[in-house]
Amino acid sequence: MAIADRAGIGLRSERGPLLLAMMLATGLVAIDSTVIATAVQSIVAGIGGFAHFPWLFSVYMLASAVTVPLYAKLADTIGRKPIMMFGIGAFLLGSILAAAAWSMPSLIAFRAIQGIGAGAVLPMAITMVGDMYTLEERARVQGYMASVWAISAVVGPTLGGVFAQLDLWRGIFLINIPLCLAAGWMIWTRFKEKVERRSHRIDYAGATLFTAALTLLILGVLQGHAWGWTSAPTLGVFGAGGVLLVVFAFVERSAAEPVLPFTLLGRRLLLSTNVLGFFVGAGLIGLTEFVPTFLSVTTGAAPIIAGLALGALTIGWPIAATLAGRAYLRFGFRSTAIFGGSVLVLGTGALSWSTRYPSILLVAGICFVIGAGFGFSAVTTLVAAQSSVSWEERGVVTGTQMLFRSVGQALGAAVLGAVANGVIAAHGGNEQSPATMTAAATSVFVAATGIAVLLLVAALSMPKQGATLAAPQARETIAELS
């Protein structure tokens, strides 16, 4: 039985359940980033601590983002499976503890444990899929994986609202238990990999410095609005994070096995795809945060209906990803990514125009086009990055892609949130006024169009040799599946 790289999954009947397990695990960590958004009042009524509830979101995003580089490096050292199982286990433990939380500080701490697990699950799922499938198949399956995030943006708040309505907010976390066990069991029993055993020197100093630097920088972004962007705490956090990042750069230059090899970032293909991933995260968070709110206020639609309009994005994404797999084999990675970026600019520009005529169906159609743009650009560049390296580097490359997306998401949320808040304040601060929300949404969607333009520029900066298969060895490292 032939194998794909070192993942011993040759039969299609074996890969199907594994892909389902990866999508399930990814969906769990994605949903938990938004599920408590509509259950805040219920949670506060149960354990108090309203002043600190924003940390329920911040600490989860922070813990999941800063741990990605370390997990990615370890995956290339000891294999994907141990890291994935650790991630699912940590997420499961955090969910159980969160369901039993007795105060807001305890719930925040347990959300951090969930985030530590989530930081392993997402990059490992995407890396393992890259190991399991051939170059021809990767765009389609990575499209499925990516669409899980968009679906979760709709399912998360809806699910949280249901539990809040039933006054059973602890069920938000308890529901994770059987799903984690199911995903973990399928991966444990079905995923096999061959890891070449050799001695390694773990870059503990680099990992510690990088984690600390990212923690401070992302913390500054997440809390900058609350603290004030020019306040002493914000400037102090950014300054300390910047200093640690500089020290990290010097340490990595002499590390035997650096946690974030700068030689990889020095490759033009990987640099351009990472930058594109950054703008994917920034653009996607802007849409998922503001499209449902805009429709709810301006059309009077119920939150679930407004969320379904955004859900059209999740239909366009996997369809385009499937077509992208054929496109990049014929026209190349660069051309396909440029086409996707162009579609994305067109879609976000149309969304900015649509605020003049608020309509559920119109916005749903535009979101479908935007999803197609993401499918052609984001998925194609991820596959290009994975296919340009061998098994030993694929974990780090995928993890770096996810890191750039996470940082883009954090910065995008902060910047676009500041844009919306500024417009709302200028219009008297009435968030429930259709006129005010239309003005705010227009500003946010125009900014999202600007982000899409920058994404297109990143696609244009991909090397022309990336217009073919990214590396000569790309096909050689992928065996024919039986």
Protein backbone atom coordinates (compact mmCIF):
# COMPACT_ATOMS: atom_id res chain seq x y z
CA MET A 1 0.00 0.00 0.00
CA ALA A 2 1.47 3.34 -1.04
CA ILE A 3 1.71 6.19 1.42
CA ALA A 4 1.54 9.98 1.14
CA ASP A 5 4.79 11.40 2.55
CA ARG A 6 5.08 9.85 6.01
CA ALA A 7 1.39 9.64 6.82
CA GLY A 8 0.55 5.99 6.44
CA ILE A 9 -2.93 6.59 5.07
CA GLY A 10 -3.17 5.06 1.63
CA LEU A 11 -6.77 3.94 1.26
CA ARG A 12 -9.41 6.52 0.51
CA SER A 13 -11.80 4.72 2.84
CA GLU A 14 -9.33 5.38 5.68
CA ARG A 15 -8.84 9.05 4.86
CA GLY A 16 -12.55 9.92 4.90
CA PRO A 17 -13.11 9.34 8.65
CA LEU A 18 -9.78 11.03 9.40
CA LEU A 19 -10.74 14.12 7.44
CA LEU A 20 -14.04 14.17 9.32
CA ALA A 21 -12.12 13.97 12.61
CA MET A 22 -9.86 16.87 11.54
CA MET A 23 -12.87 18.98 10.58
CA LEU A 24 -14.61 18.12 13.85
CA ALA A 25 -11.57 19.07 15.93
CA THR A 26 -11.09 22.28 13.94
CA GLY A 27 -14.77 23.14 14.31
CA LEU A 28 -14.59 22.70 18.07
CA VAL A 29 -11.75 25.17 18.55
CA ALA A 30 -13.26 27.61 16.04
CA ILE A 31 -16.73 27.57 17.60
CA ASP A 32 -15.31 28.11 21.07
CA SER A 33 -13.74 31.38 19.96
CA THR A 34 -17.23 32.86 19.43
CA VAL A 35 -19.73 30.60 21.22
CA ILE A 36 -19.85 32.64 24.43
CA ALA A 37 -20.53 35.92 22.58
CA THR A 38 -24.31 35.54 22.96
CA ALA A 39 -24.15 33.90 26.40
CA VAL A 40 -22.29 36.63 28.29
CA GLN A 41 -25.35 37.84 30.21
CA SER A 42 -26.23 34.28 31.24
CA ILE A 43 -22.67 33.59 32.39
CA VAL A 44 -22.44 36.83 34.36
CA ALA A 45 -25.80 36.12 36.00
CA GLY A 46 -24.39 32.78 37.16
CA ILE A 47 -20.90 33.67 38.38
CA GLY A 48 -20.63 37.48 38.21
CA GLY A 49 -17.60 39.42 37.02
CA PHE A 50 -19.11 41.50 34.20
CA ALA A 51 -16.16 43.91 34.18
CA HIS A 52 -13.77 41.10 33.27
CA PHE A 53 -15.80 39.16 30.70
CA PRO A 54 -13.82 40.50 27.65
CA TRP A 55 -10.94 38.38 28.91
CA LEU A 56 -12.98 35.26 28.11
CA PHE A 57 -12.37 36.07 24.44
CA SER A 58 -8.92 37.62 24.73
CA VAL A 59 -7.23 34.92 26.76
CA TYR A 60 -8.50 32.16 24.46
CA MET A 61 -7.24 33.93 21.32
CA LEU A 62 -3.97 34.84 23.01
CA ALA A 63 -3.17 31.34 24.29
CA SER A 64 -4.04 29.69 20.99
CA ALA A 65 -1.96 32.13 18.90
CA VAL A 66 1.28 32.28 20.88
CA THR A 67 1.67 28.50 21.22
CA VAL A 68 1.41 27.73 17.48
CA PRO A 69 5.14 28.14 16.60
CA LEU A 70 6.26 25.80 19.37
CA TYR A 71 3.73 23.13 18.42
CA ALA A 72 4.68 23.46 14.75
CA LYS A 73 8.36 22.91 15.49
CA LEU A 74 7.67 19.95 17.77
CA ALA A 75 5.46 18.40 15.07
CA ASP A 76 8.42 18.35 12.69
CA THR A 77 10.53 16.81 15.46
CA ILE A 78 8.40 14.11 17.12
CA GLY A 79 5.50 13.85 14.68
CA ARG A 80 2.04 15.32 14.19
CA LYS A 81 -0.01 12.74 16.09
CA PRO A 82 1.43 13.32 19.61
CA ILE A 83 0.93 17.08 19.28
CA MET A 84 -2.62 16.69 18.01
CA MET A 85 -3.55 14.31 20.82
CA PHE A 86 -2.05 16.69 23.39
CA GLY A 87 -4.05 19.55 21.88
CA ILE A 88 -7.33 17.64 21.98
CA GLY A 89 -6.57 16.51 25.54
CA ALA A 90 -5.81 20.04 26.75
CA PHE A 91 -8.91 21.39 25.03
CA LEU A 92 -11.00 18.64 26.62
CA LEU A 93 -9.56 19.35 30.08
CA GLY A 94 -10.16 23.07 29.69
CA SER A 95 -13.76 22.42 28.62
CA ILE A 96 -14.48 20.22 31.63
CA LEU A 97 -12.96 22.75 34.02
CA ALA A 98 -14.78 25.66 32.34
CA ALA A 99 -18.10 23.87 32.79
CA ALA A 100 -17.33 23.64 36.51
CA ALA A 101 -16.10 27.25 36.89
CA TRP A 102 -17.23 28.97 40.10
CA SER A 103 -16.10 32.54 39.34
CA MET A 104 -15.08 34.74 36.44
CA PRO A 105 -11.32 34.48 37.25
CA SER A 106 -11.56 30.68 37.30
CA LEU A 107 -13.44 30.64 34.00
CA ILE A 108 -10.83 32.92 32.42
CA ALA A 109 -8.05 30.58 33.61
CA PHE A 110 -9.82 27.53 32.19
CA ARG A 111 -10.43 29.33 28.90
CA ALA A 112 -6.63 29.78 28.73
CA ILE A 113 -6.23 25.99 29.02
CA GLN A 114 -8.71 25.60 26.18
CA GLY A 115 -6.65 28.06 24.14
CA ILE A 116 -3.44 26.12 24.78
CA GLY A 117 -5.14 23.05 23.33
CA ALA A 118 -6.62 25.00 20.42
CA GLY A 119 -3.15 26.26 19.50
CA ALA A 120 -2.11 22.67 18.75
CA VAL A 121 -5.30 21.43 17.09
CA LEU A 122 -5.64 23.93 14.23
CA PRO A 123 -2.11 23.82 12.71
CA MET A 124 -1.83 20.07 13.26
CA ALA A 125 -5.14 19.41 11.51
CA ILE A 126 -4.08 21.44 8.48
CA THR A 127 -0.58 19.91 8.46
CA MET A 128 -1.92 16.36 8.75
CA VAL A 129 -4.31 16.95 5.88
CA GLY A 130 -1.33 18.19 3.87
CA ASP A 131 0.45 14.92 4.67
CA MET A 132 -2.53 12.73 3.79
CA TYR A 133 -3.54 14.14 0.41
CA THR A 134 -1.79 14.59 -2.91
CA LEU A 135 -1.06 17.96 -4.43
CA GLU A 136 -4.04 17.57 -6.76
CA GLU A 137 -6.39 16.93 -3.82
CA ARG A 138 -5.12 19.42 -1.26
CA ALA A 139 -7.02 22.51 -2.42
CA ARG A 140 -10.36 20.71 -2.13
CA VAL A 141 -9.76 19.29 1.34
CA GLN A 142 -8.07 22.45 2.64
CA GLY A 143 -11.14 24.29 1.38
CA TYR A 144 -13.29 22.04 3.55
CA MET A 145 -11.02 22.77 6.52
CA ALA A 146 -11.08 26.53 5.91
CA SER A 147 -14.85 26.63 5.46
CA VAL A 148 -15.23 25.12 8.93
CA TRP A 149 -14.07 28.45 10.34
CA ALA A 150 -16.63 30.43 8.42
CA ILE A 151 -19.39 28.01 9.39
CA SER A 152 -18.29 28.27 13.01
CA ALA A 153 -18.66 32.05 12.85
CA VAL A 154 -22.38 31.44 12.35
CA VAL A 155 -22.85 28.30 14.47
CA GLY A 156 -20.90 29.60 17.49
CA PRO A 157 -23.05 32.60 18.44
CA THR A 158 -26.23 30.69 17.52
CA LEU A 159 -25.32 27.76 19.75
CA GLY A 160 -24.35 30.09 22.57
CA GLY A 161 -27.69 31.87 22.23
CA VAL A 162 -29.59 28.60 22.49
CA PHE A 163 -27.83 27.59 25.70
CA ALA A 164 -28.24 31.10 27.09
CA GLN A 165 -31.94 31.06 26.30
CA LEU A 166 -32.26 27.78 28.20
CA ASP A 167 -30.16 29.24 31.05
CA LEU A 168 -27.71 26.35 30.63
CA TRP A 169 -24.49 28.18 29.77
CA ARG A 170 -22.32 25.38 31.19
CA GLY A 171 -23.63 23.20 28.39
CA ILE A 172 -21.54 25.33 26.00
CA PHE A 173 -18.48 23.56 27.38
CA LEU A 174 -19.98 20.19 28.26
CA ILE A 175 -20.97 19.56 24.64
CA ASN A 176 -17.27 19.53 23.78
CA ILE A 177 -16.64 16.38 25.81
CA PRO A 178 -18.21 13.73 23.50
CA LEU A 179 -17.02 15.57 20.39
CA CYS A 180 -13.42 15.71 21.64
CA LEU A 181 -13.52 12.03 22.55
CA ALA A 182 -14.88 11.11 19.12
CA ALA A 183 -12.28 13.14 17.23
CA GLY A 184 -9.45 11.91 19.46
CA TRP A 185 -10.48 8.27 19.10
CA MET A 186 -10.63 8.44 15.29
CA ILE A 187 -7.23 10.10 15.05
CA TRP A 188 -5.62 7.80 17.62
CA THR A 189 -6.83 4.61 15.96
CA ARG A 190 -6.57 5.55 12.28
CA PHE A 191 -3.72 8.01 11.78
CA LYS A 192 -0.34 6.36 11.32
CA GLU A 193 2.89 8.17 10.56
CA LYS A 194 6.52 7.24 10.15
CA VAL A 195 8.79 9.53 12.14
CA GLU A 196 12.53 9.30 11.65
CA ARG A 197 13.98 9.01 15.14
CA ARG A 198 17.06 11.16 15.68
CA SER A 199 18.44 13.37 18.39
CA HIS A 200 17.09 16.91 18.55
CA ARG A 201 18.02 20.07 20.40
CA ILE A 202 14.82 21.84 21.40
CA ASP A 203 15.15 25.61 21.21
CA TYR A 204 13.69 26.31 24.66
CA ALA A 205 15.17 29.82 24.89
CA GLY A 206 13.79 30.80 21.49
CA ALA A 207 10.38 29.30 22.22
CA THR A 208 10.14 31.11 25.56
CA LEU A 209 11.21 34.47 24.15
CA PHE A 210 8.94 34.21 21.12
CA THR A 211 5.94 33.17 23.21
CA ALA A 212 6.52 36.00 25.68
CA ALA A 213 7.01 38.58 22.90
CA LEU A 214 3.87 37.52 21.03
CA THR A 215 1.88 37.39 24.27
CA LEU A 216 2.73 41.01 25.02
CA LEU A 217 2.19 42.26 21.46
CA ILE A 218 -1.14 40.52 20.96
CA LEU A 219 -2.20 41.55 24.46
CA GLY A 220 -1.51 45.17 23.50
CA VAL A 221 -3.66 44.79 20.39
CA LEU A 222 -6.51 43.07 22.20
CA GLN A 223 -6.58 45.52 25.10
CA GLY A 224 -5.45 48.69 23.36
CA HIS A 225 -8.97 49.99 22.90
CA ALA A 226 -9.88 49.34 26.55
CA TRP A 227 -6.68 50.79 27.97
CA GLY A 228 -6.28 53.59 25.42
CA TRP A 229 -3.84 53.30 22.51
CA THR A 230 -1.52 55.96 23.90
CA SER A 231 -1.83 54.98 27.56
CA ALA A 232 1.17 53.92 29.62
CA PRO A 233 0.06 50.24 29.92
CA THR A 234 -0.44 49.91 26.15
CA LEU A 235 2.84 51.58 25.23
CA GLY A 236 4.65 49.60 27.93
CA VAL A 237 3.28 46.28 26.69
CA PHE A 238 4.16 47.07 23.07
CA GLY A 239 7.62 48.28 24.05
CA ALA A 240 8.42 45.20 26.12
CA GLY A 241 7.10 42.91 23.39
CA GLY A 242 9.23 44.66 20.78
CA VAL A 243 12.37 44.34 22.90
CA LEU A 244 11.79 40.62 23.47
CA LEU A 245 11.21 40.14 19.74
CA VAL A 246 14.59 41.72 18.98
CA VAL A 247 16.30 39.51 21.58
CA PHE A 248 14.52 36.50 20.08
CA ALA A 249 15.92 37.35 16.63
CA PHE A 250 19.48 37.36 17.99
CA VAL A 251 18.99 34.08 19.87
CA GLU A 252 17.58 32.34 16.77
CA ARG A 253 20.65 33.23 14.71
CA SER A 254 22.79 30.90 16.84
CA ALA A 255 20.21 28.21 17.66
CA ALA A 256 20.97 24.72 16.36
CA GLU A 257 17.30 24.03 15.59
CA PRO A 258 15.47 27.37 15.78
CA VAL A 259 11.77 27.33 16.61
CA LEU A 260 11.15 29.80 13.76
CA PRO A 261 13.83 29.37 11.07
CA PHE A 262 14.45 32.74 9.43
CA THR A 263 15.78 30.91 6.38
CA LEU A 264 12.19 29.88 5.66
CA LEU A 265 10.88 33.42 5.97
CA GLY A 266 13.67 34.51 3.66
CA ARG A 267 12.20 32.48 0.81
CA ARG A 268 10.12 34.77 -1.36
CA LEU A 269 7.32 32.25 -1.87
CA LEU A 270 6.89 31.63 1.86
CA LEU A 271 7.18 35.32 2.74
CA SER A 272 4.51 36.33 0.23
CA THR A 273 2.12 33.53 1.25
CA ASN A 274 2.54 34.39 4.94
CA VAL A 275 1.77 38.04 4.26
CA LEU A 276 -1.27 36.98 2.24
CA GLY A 277 -2.36 34.79 5.16
CA PHE A 278 -2.10 37.81 7.46
CA PHE A 279 -4.58 39.72 5.29
CA VAL A 280 -6.85 36.66 5.08
CA GLY A 281 -7.17 36.72 8.87
CA ALA A 282 -7.71 40.49 8.99
CA GLY A 283 -10.33 40.49 6.24
CA LEU A 284 -12.26 37.46 7.42
CA ILE A 285 -12.63 38.74 11.00
CA GLY A 286 -14.00 42.03 9.68
CA LEU A 287 -16.74 40.28 7.77
CA THR A 288 -17.71 37.79 10.48
CA GLU A 289 -17.89 40.54 13.10
CA PHE A 290 -19.87 43.18 11.19
CA VAL A 291 -22.03 41.57 8.48
CA PRO A 292 -24.59 39.97 10.88
CA THR A 293 -24.76 43.09 13.08
CA PHE A 294 -25.24 45.36 10.07
CA LEU A 295 -28.09 43.24 8.70
CA SER A 296 -29.76 42.82 12.09
CA VAL A 297 -29.89 46.57 12.76
CA THR A 298 -30.66 47.82 9.26
CA THR A 299 -33.16 45.16 8.10
CA GLY A 300 -34.56 44.03 11.45
CA ALA A 301 -33.64 40.44 10.66
CA ALA A 302 -33.22 37.98 13.52
CA PRO A 303 -29.57 37.27 14.40
CA ILE A 304 -29.80 33.73 13.06
CA ILE A 305 -31.11 34.96 9.68
CA ALA A 306 -28.40 37.61 9.48
CA GLY A 307 -25.86 34.92 10.32
CA LEU A 308 -27.14 32.72 7.50
CA ALA A 309 -26.46 35.53 5.01
CA LEU A 310 -22.82 35.45 6.12
CA GLY A 311 -23.02 31.67 5.86
CA ALA A 312 -23.19 32.00 2.05
CA LEU A 313 -19.46 32.69 2.32
CA THR A 314 -19.01 29.11 3.55
CA ILE A 315 -20.63 27.81 0.37
CA GLY A 316 -18.49 29.85 -2.01
CA TRP A 317 -15.24 28.96 -0.22
CA PRO A 318 -15.16 25.14 -0.66
CA ILE A 319 -16.61 25.33 -4.18
CA ALA A 320 -13.84 27.70 -5.24
CA ALA A 321 -11.24 25.63 -3.39
CA THR A 322 -12.24 22.56 -5.39
CA LEU A 323 -11.91 24.50 -8.65
CA ALA A 324 -8.61 25.99 -7.42
CA GLY A 325 -7.09 22.51 -7.29
CA ARG A 326 -7.58 22.19 -11.03
CA ALA A 327 -6.64 25.81 -11.73
CA TYR A 328 -3.23 25.82 -10.05
CA LEU A 329 -2.25 22.56 -11.75
CA ARG A 330 -3.00 24.17 -15.12
CA PHE A 331 -2.17 27.85 -14.60
CA GLY A 332 0.08 27.77 -11.52
CA PHE A 333 -0.19 28.88 -7.90
CA ARG A 334 0.55 32.55 -8.56
CA SER A 335 -2.02 33.04 -11.30
CA THR A 336 -4.71 31.26 -9.29
CA ALA A 337 -3.97 33.32 -6.18
CA ILE A 338 -4.06 36.55 -8.21
CA PHE A 339 -7.44 35.58 -9.64
CA GLY A 340 -8.73 34.87 -6.12
CA GLY A 341 -7.44 38.19 -4.83
CA SER A 342 -9.14 40.00 -7.71
CA VAL A 343 -12.47 38.29 -6.95
CA LEU A 344 -12.05 39.23 -3.30
CA VAL A 345 -11.49 42.91 -4.15
CA LEU A 346 -14.59 42.83 -6.35
CA GLY A 347 -16.67 41.18 -3.61
CA THR A 348 -15.63 43.47 -0.75
CA GLY A 349 -16.08 46.51 -2.98
CA ALA A 350 -19.61 45.35 -3.81
CA LEU A 351 -20.27 44.83 -0.09
CA SER A 352 -19.28 48.44 0.59
CA TRP A 353 -21.74 49.58 -2.10
CA SER A 354 -24.52 47.31 -0.78
CA THR A 355 -24.86 49.28 2.47
CA ARG A 356 -26.94 51.80 0.51
CA TYR A 357 -29.54 49.11 -0.12
CA PRO A 358 -29.61 46.77 2.92
CA SER A 359 -30.88 43.38 1.78
CA ILE A 360 -30.42 39.88 3.17
CA LEU A 361 -30.37 38.27 -0.29
CA LEU A 362 -28.04 40.86 -1.81
CA VAL A 363 -25.51 40.56 1.00
CA ALA A 364 -25.75 36.74 0.90
CA GLY A 365 -24.93 36.77 -2.82
CA ILE A 366 -21.98 39.08 -2.27
CA CYS A 367 -20.72 36.92 0.61
CA PHE A 368 -20.81 33.94 -1.75
CA VAL A 369 -18.51 35.84 -4.14
CA ILE A 370 -16.22 36.83 -1.26
CA GLY A 371 -16.05 33.20 -0.15
CA ALA A 372 -15.01 32.24 -3.68
CA GLY A 373 -12.24 34.84 -3.53
CA PHE A 374 -10.94 33.34 -0.29
CA GLY A 375 -11.18 29.84 -1.74
CA PHE A 376 -9.04 30.68 -4.76
CA SER A 377 -6.46 32.79 -2.90
CA ALA A 378 -6.11 31.55 0.68
CA VAL A 379 -6.29 27.83 -0.01
CA THR A 380 -4.03 28.02 -3.07
CA THR A 381 -1.26 29.85 -1.23
CA LEU A 382 -1.45 27.47 1.73
CA VAL A 383 -1.04 24.49 -0.60
CA ALA A 384 1.79 26.29 -2.40
CA ALA A 385 3.65 26.84 0.88
CA GLN A 386 3.15 23.24 2.03
CA SER A 387 4.21 21.82 -1.32
CA SER A 388 7.42 23.84 -1.45
CA VAL A 389 8.98 22.00 1.50
CA SER A 390 9.62 18.47 2.69
CA TRP A 391 7.89 16.64 5.57
CA GLU A 392 10.54 17.86 8.02
CA GLU A 393 9.62 21.51 7.40
CA ARG A 394 5.91 21.27 6.63
CA GLY A 395 4.81 21.60 10.27
CA VAL A 396 6.77 24.82 10.78
CA VAL A 397 5.62 26.23 7.43
CA THR A 398 1.96 25.46 8.17
CA GLY A 399 2.27 26.74 11.73
CA THR A 400 3.80 29.98 10.52
CA GLN A 401 0.91 30.40 8.07
CA MET A 402 -1.57 29.92 10.92
CA LEU A 403 0.41 32.32 13.12
CA PHE A 404 0.26 35.07 10.51
CA ARG A 405 -3.49 34.49 10.11
CA SER A 406 -4.01 34.65 13.89
CA VAL A 407 -2.02 37.87 14.22
CA GLY A 408 -3.92 39.28 11.24
CA GLN A 409 -7.17 38.33 12.93
CA ALA A 410 -6.17 40.03 16.18
CA LEU A 411 -4.99 43.20 14.45
CA GLY A 412 -7.96 43.19 12.09
CA ALA A 413 -10.41 42.93 14.97
CA ALA A 414 -8.71 45.81 16.77
CA VAL A 415 -8.36 48.13 13.75
CA LEU A 416 -11.80 47.50 12.24
CA GLY A 417 -13.38 47.67 15.69
CA ALA A 418 -11.74 51.06 16.22
CA VAL A 419 -13.06 52.23 12.83
CA ALA A 420 -16.60 51.17 13.71
CA ASN A 421 -16.47 52.67 17.20
CA GLY A 422 -15.15 55.95 15.86
CA VAL A 423 -17.98 56.27 13.34
CA ILE A 424 -20.60 55.27 15.91
CA ALA A 425 -19.25 57.83 18.38
CA ALA A 426 -19.32 60.53 15.68
CA HIS A 427 -23.00 59.75 15.08
CA GLY A 428 -24.00 60.09 18.71
CA GLY A 429 -23.14 56.63 19.97
CA ASN A 430 -26.49 55.01 19.15
CA GLU A 431 -25.54 51.51 17.97
CA GLN A 432 -29.19 50.58 17.33
CA SER A 433 -29.80 53.38 14.85
CA PRO A 434 -29.98 52.04 11.25
CA ALA A 435 -28.38 55.23 9.92
CA THR A 436 -25.51 55.00 12.41
CA MET A 437 -24.93 51.31 11.77
CA THR A 438 -25.02 51.84 8.01
CA ALA A 439 -22.33 54.52 8.29
CA ALA A 440 -20.21 52.29 10.52
CA ALA A 441 -20.63 49.24 8.29
CA THR A 442 -19.75 51.25 5.20
CA SER A 443 -16.50 52.39 6.82
CA VAL A 444 -15.63 48.86 7.94
CA PHE A 445 -16.40 47.33 4.53
CA VAL A 446 -14.36 50.02 2.75
CA ALA A 447 -11.47 49.17 5.10
CA ALA A 448 -12.02 45.48 4.30
CA THR A 449 -11.76 46.36 0.61
CA GLY A 450 -8.42 47.98 1.35
CA ILE A 451 -7.30 44.79 3.07
CA ALA A 452 -8.40 42.80 0.00
CA VAL A 453 -6.29 45.08 -2.21
CA LEU A 454 -3.25 44.43 0.00
CA LEU A 455 -3.98 40.69 -0.23
CA LEU A 456 -3.96 40.99 -4.01
CA VAL A 457 -0.62 42.82 -3.86
CA ALA A 458 0.78 39.94 -1.78
CA ALA A 459 -0.43 37.48 -4.43
CA LEU A 460 1.21 39.56 -7.16
CA SER A 461 4.49 39.46 -5.19
CA MET A 462 4.66 35.67 -5.35
CA PRO A 463 7.67 34.56 -7.41
CA LYS A 464 6.95 33.67 -11.00
CA GLN A 465 8.55 30.30 -10.52
CA GLY A 466 5.71 29.76 -8.04
CA ALA A 467 3.43 29.85 -11.06
CA THR A 468 4.40 26.24 -11.58
CA LEU A 469 4.55 23.62 -8.88
CA ALA A 470 6.26 25.44 -6.04
CA ALA A 471 9.23 23.10 -5.79
CA PRO A 472 10.64 20.44 -8.11
CA GLN A 473 10.39 17.88 -5.33
CA ALA A 474 6.71 18.63 -4.66
CA ARG A 475 5.48 15.74 -6.77
CA GLU A 476 8.36 13.46 -5.79
CA THR A 477 7.52 13.63 -2.09
CA ILE A 478 3.91 12.68 -2.71
CA ALA A 479 3.47 9.04 -3.60
CA GLU A 480 0.66 7.81 -5.77
CA LEU A 481 -2.20 6.72 -3.49
CA SER A 482 -3.74 3.34 -4.10
